[in-house]
Protein backbone atom coordinates (compact mmCIF):
# COMPACT_ATOMS: atom_id res chain seq x y z
CA UNK A 1 134.49 74.80 78.13
CA UNK A 2 132.56 74.59 74.87
CA UNK A 3 133.45 76.99 72.06
CA UNK A 4 130.65 79.61 72.07
CA UNK A 5 130.95 80.36 68.34
CA UNK A 6 130.75 76.69 67.40
CA UNK A 7 127.80 75.97 69.66
CA UNK A 8 125.84 79.09 68.66
CA UNK A 9 126.39 78.29 64.98
CA UNK A 10 125.17 74.76 65.69
CA UNK A 11 122.04 76.06 67.45
CA UNK A 12 121.22 78.42 64.59
CA UNK A 13 121.66 75.56 62.10
CA UNK A 14 119.34 73.34 64.15
CA UNK A 15 116.62 75.98 64.12
CA UNK A 16 117.06 76.50 60.38
CA UNK A 17 116.60 72.75 59.85
CA UNK A 18 113.55 72.61 62.12
CA UNK A 19 111.94 75.41 60.11
CA UNK A 20 112.84 73.95 56.71
CA UNK A 21 109.63 73.95 54.63
CA UNK A 22 110.31 70.50 53.15
CA UNK A 23 112.25 68.61 55.81
CA UNK A 24 111.49 70.51 59.01
CA UNK A 25 109.39 69.70 62.08
CA UNK A 26 105.64 70.10 61.63
CA UNK A 27 105.21 71.73 65.05
CA UNK A 28 108.08 74.20 64.64
CA UNK A 29 106.87 75.17 61.18
CA UNK A 30 103.40 75.92 62.51
CA UNK A 31 104.66 78.48 65.04
CA UNK A 32 104.74 82.25 64.73
CA UNK A 33 105.71 85.17 67.00
CA UNK A 34 102.40 85.12 68.86
CA UNK A 35 102.23 81.37 69.40
CA UNK A 36 105.68 81.11 70.99
CA UNK A 37 105.49 84.36 72.99
CA UNK A 38 103.92 82.57 76.01
CA UNK A 39 106.80 80.07 75.99
CA UNK A 40 109.29 82.93 75.91
CA UNK A 41 107.71 84.46 79.00
CA UNK A 42 107.52 81.08 80.73
CA UNK A 43 111.19 80.36 80.07
CA UNK A 44 112.21 83.73 81.55
CA UNK A 45 110.35 82.88 84.76
CA UNK A 46 111.95 79.43 84.86
CA UNK A 47 115.35 81.13 84.68
CA UNK A 48 114.35 83.30 87.64
CA UNK A 49 113.14 80.22 89.54
CA UNK A 50 116.45 78.40 89.01
CA UNK A 51 118.30 81.46 90.29
CA UNK A 52 116.12 81.64 93.41
CA UNK A 53 116.84 77.96 94.09
CA UNK A 54 120.56 78.48 93.42
CA UNK A 55 120.44 75.43 91.12
CA UNK A 56 123.29 76.07 88.70
CA UNK A 57 122.76 72.90 86.67
CA UNK A 58 119.11 73.81 86.17
CA UNK A 59 120.04 77.45 85.45
CA UNK A 60 122.33 76.32 82.64
CA UNK A 61 119.47 74.39 81.07
CA UNK A 62 116.91 77.15 81.56
CA UNK A 63 119.20 79.76 80.03
CA UNK A 64 119.53 77.45 77.05
CA UNK A 65 115.74 77.22 76.79
CA UNK A 66 115.51 81.01 76.89
CA UNK A 67 118.24 81.37 74.26
CA UNK A 68 116.29 78.97 72.05
CA UNK A 69 113.32 81.33 72.22
CA UNK A 70 115.49 84.21 70.97
CA UNK A 71 116.82 82.04 68.14
CA UNK A 72 113.27 80.90 67.30
CA UNK A 73 111.91 84.45 67.07
CA UNK A 74 114.92 85.58 65.05
CA UNK A 75 114.50 82.70 62.59
CA UNK A 76 110.83 83.53 62.02
CA UNK A 77 111.80 87.17 61.46
CA UNK A 78 114.56 86.21 59.04
CA UNK A 79 112.18 84.06 56.99
CA UNK A 80 109.83 87.04 56.70
CA UNK A 81 112.69 89.33 55.65
CA UNK A 82 112.62 91.51 58.79
CA UNK A 83 115.95 90.76 60.49
CA UNK A 84 118.22 87.84 61.48
CA UNK A 85 119.87 86.66 64.69
CA UNK A 86 123.03 88.63 63.89
CA UNK A 87 120.95 91.80 63.72
CA UNK A 88 119.52 91.02 67.17
CA UNK A 89 123.02 90.56 68.59
CA UNK A 90 124.27 93.72 66.90
CA UNK A 91 121.30 95.71 68.19
CA UNK A 92 121.91 94.82 71.83
CA UNK A 93 125.69 95.24 71.44
CA UNK A 94 125.16 98.75 70.04
CA UNK A 95 122.75 99.55 72.84
CA UNK A 96 125.08 98.36 75.60
CA UNK A 97 127.95 100.40 74.20
CA UNK A 98 125.82 103.54 73.93
CA UNK A 99 124.48 103.07 77.47
CA UNK A 100 128.00 102.77 78.91
CA UNK A 101 129.78 105.86 77.58
CA UNK A 102 132.06 105.80 80.63
CA UNK A 103 133.35 102.40 79.51
CA UNK A 104 133.18 102.50 75.70
CA UNK A 105 133.21 106.25 75.17
CA UNK A 106 135.06 109.31 76.41
CA UNK A 107 132.89 110.11 79.44
CA UNK A 108 134.04 109.63 83.00
CA UNK A 109 132.30 108.74 86.24
CA UNK A 110 130.15 105.85 87.46
CA UNK A 111 126.83 104.65 86.06
CA UNK A 112 124.13 105.63 88.59
CA UNK A 113 120.46 104.73 88.20
CA UNK A 114 119.44 108.22 87.10
CA UNK A 115 122.19 108.39 84.48
CA UNK A 116 121.09 105.01 83.11
CA UNK A 117 117.47 106.14 83.00
CA UNK A 118 118.43 109.38 81.28
CA UNK A 119 120.20 107.43 78.55
CA UNK A 120 117.16 105.17 78.13
CA UNK A 121 114.87 108.20 78.00
CA UNK A 122 117.04 109.74 75.28
CA UNK A 123 116.72 106.50 73.29
CA UNK A 124 112.93 106.51 73.69
CA UNK A 125 112.73 110.13 72.54
CA UNK A 126 114.92 109.38 69.53
CA UNK A 127 112.49 106.57 68.68
CA UNK A 128 109.55 109.01 68.74
CA UNK A 129 108.26 108.68 72.31
CA UNK A 130 105.93 111.52 73.31
CA UNK A 131 104.84 110.42 76.78
CA UNK A 132 106.63 109.41 79.96
CA UNK A 133 104.52 106.24 79.78
CA UNK A 134 105.87 105.19 76.37
CA UNK A 135 107.90 102.00 76.32
CA UNK A 136 106.42 100.30 79.41
CA UNK A 137 105.53 96.88 78.00
CA UNK A 138 101.88 95.95 78.31
CA UNK A 139 102.71 92.26 78.79
CA UNK A 140 104.62 92.78 82.05
CA UNK A 141 103.17 91.20 85.21
CA UNK A 142 100.69 93.56 86.83
CA UNK A 143 102.74 94.50 89.89
CA UNK A 144 105.91 95.01 87.88
CA UNK A 145 104.13 97.18 85.32
CA UNK A 146 102.42 99.24 88.04
CA UNK A 147 105.78 99.96 89.63
CA UNK A 148 107.35 100.93 86.30
CA UNK A 149 104.45 103.25 85.45
CA UNK A 150 104.72 104.89 88.87
CA UNK A 151 108.48 105.34 88.50
CA UNK A 152 107.99 106.97 85.12
CA UNK A 153 105.42 109.34 86.58
CA UNK A 154 107.69 110.11 89.53
CA UNK A 155 110.54 111.13 87.22
CA UNK A 156 108.39 113.97 85.86
CA UNK A 157 107.28 115.06 89.34
CA UNK A 158 103.98 113.19 89.70
CA UNK A 159 104.59 111.43 93.02
CA UNK A 160 103.80 111.64 96.72
CA UNK A 161 106.36 113.69 98.69
CA UNK A 162 106.42 111.11 101.50
CA UNK A 163 104.87 107.79 102.61
CA UNK A 164 101.83 109.39 104.23
CA UNK A 165 100.21 110.02 100.85
CA UNK A 166 100.21 106.40 99.64
CA UNK A 167 99.23 105.18 103.12
CA UNK A 168 96.17 107.42 103.12
CA UNK A 169 95.40 106.36 99.55
CA UNK A 170 95.33 102.69 100.56
CA UNK A 171 92.78 103.43 103.29
CA UNK A 172 90.69 105.39 100.80
CA UNK A 173 90.80 102.53 98.28
CA UNK A 174 89.83 99.96 100.92
CA UNK A 175 86.75 102.01 101.75
CA UNK A 176 85.86 102.39 98.08
CA UNK A 177 86.20 98.63 97.56
CA UNK A 178 83.89 97.98 100.51
CA UNK A 179 81.28 100.34 99.07
CA UNK A 180 81.64 99.26 95.43
CA UNK A 181 78.85 97.63 93.48
CA UNK A 182 79.46 94.28 91.81
CA UNK A 183 80.02 96.08 88.50
CA UNK A 184 82.85 98.27 89.82
CA UNK A 185 84.39 95.92 92.40
CA UNK A 186 87.14 94.66 90.11
CA UNK A 187 88.14 98.20 89.18
CA UNK A 188 88.29 99.24 92.84
CA UNK A 189 90.31 96.12 93.69
CA UNK A 190 92.80 97.13 91.00
CA UNK A 191 93.01 100.64 92.43
CA UNK A 192 93.76 99.15 95.86
CA UNK A 193 96.55 96.96 94.51
CA UNK A 194 98.00 99.89 92.55
CA UNK A 195 98.00 101.99 95.73
CA UNK A 196 99.72 99.18 97.64
CA UNK A 197 102.49 99.12 95.02
CA UNK A 198 102.90 102.87 95.48
CA UNK A 199 103.45 102.48 99.22
CA UNK A 200 105.87 99.59 98.77
CA UNK A 201 107.79 101.66 96.22
CA UNK A 202 107.98 104.53 98.73
CA UNK A 203 109.98 102.19 100.97
CA UNK A 204 112.38 101.44 98.11
CA UNK A 205 111.15 97.85 97.78
CA UNK A 206 110.51 96.04 94.51
CA UNK A 207 106.84 95.01 94.65
CA UNK A 208 107.16 92.02 92.31
CA UNK A 209 110.14 90.59 94.19
CA UNK A 210 108.43 91.18 97.54
CA UNK A 211 105.28 89.34 96.47
CA UNK A 212 107.26 86.47 94.98
CA UNK A 213 109.08 86.08 98.32
CA UNK A 214 105.75 86.19 100.16
CA UNK A 215 104.38 83.47 97.88
CA UNK A 216 107.39 81.27 98.63
CA UNK A 217 106.97 81.83 102.36
CA UNK A 218 103.25 81.08 102.30
CA UNK A 219 103.74 77.88 100.30
CA UNK A 220 106.53 76.73 102.62
CA UNK A 221 104.43 77.33 105.73
CA UNK A 222 101.31 75.77 104.24
CA UNK A 223 103.22 72.61 103.31
CA UNK A 224 104.60 72.49 106.85
CA UNK A 225 101.06 72.70 108.26
CA UNK A 226 99.97 69.81 106.03
CA UNK A 227 102.90 67.76 107.31
CA UNK A 228 102.09 68.52 110.95
CA UNK A 229 98.44 67.57 110.44
CA UNK A 230 99.46 64.15 109.07
CA UNK A 231 96.91 64.24 106.28
CA UNK A 232 93.98 65.59 108.31
CA UNK A 233 94.35 69.28 107.43
CA UNK A 234 91.11 69.63 105.39
CA UNK A 235 89.12 68.16 108.30
CA UNK A 236 90.45 70.59 110.91
CA UNK A 237 88.48 73.61 112.08
CA UNK A 238 89.74 77.04 111.15
CA UNK A 239 90.93 77.56 114.75
CA UNK A 240 92.89 74.30 114.63
CA UNK A 241 94.42 75.28 111.31
CA UNK A 242 95.37 78.66 112.77
CA UNK A 243 97.08 76.88 115.68
CA UNK A 244 99.17 74.92 113.18
CA UNK A 245 100.01 78.13 111.30
CA UNK A 246 101.23 79.78 114.48
CA UNK A 247 103.23 76.66 115.40
CA UNK A 248 104.98 76.72 112.03
CA UNK A 249 105.75 80.42 112.42
CA UNK A 250 107.18 79.87 115.90
CA UNK A 251 109.34 77.03 114.61
CA UNK A 252 110.71 79.23 111.79
CA UNK A 253 111.33 82.17 114.12
CA UNK A 254 113.22 79.96 116.59
CA UNK A 255 115.76 78.94 113.99
CA UNK A 256 119.05 80.86 113.84
């Protein structure tokens, strides 16, 4: 096993060299927080993809790519006099200790979801938060952010008492989308998706994870249809394509 201190020091030195004004890399020197933010997000999703595929060799590499993004941001911040990588590490270490008082403090008991959220809420309030919506990142994927906003609202009592409410809301939003003018159609479509997240959440299901799984399933089945059609899929009628879809589903359902 590699020495973590040695390798982290090496990585920080590499980034410092890449950002050296005289001898650094032209591309790395041209970057700022905003320009590398999309890469940071992309690397996080590639980590998730490697986990879903259970590819440990790829996961090791993707985690390295994600760590590089942290080092990159920290180096830019250090050059501007804001903070350095050590401050980033100290910040998260302090946070993890404060959020686990039953491990690092004198409290007893287990860490349930509500206790964790209460600690996070206390941190937000200490930072000046005035709304239950404060702190939900605007850059989150739409479904994930919708679920987080709904959870925040639910914690202060703004939530349906059962699943009938969100079910009825979905029907209402479908009707409004059907009746919407071209100018308001996108807004009504958003309302429908938001309502769907609310119903999924009522079943205790993570909407983002559920949709990601559905995407994987659809892609797998579509590729299987293309294979069965032996290259003729675009030329088939919709009924013929539906027959292939049903055949693929039956084949999947017949497997143990």
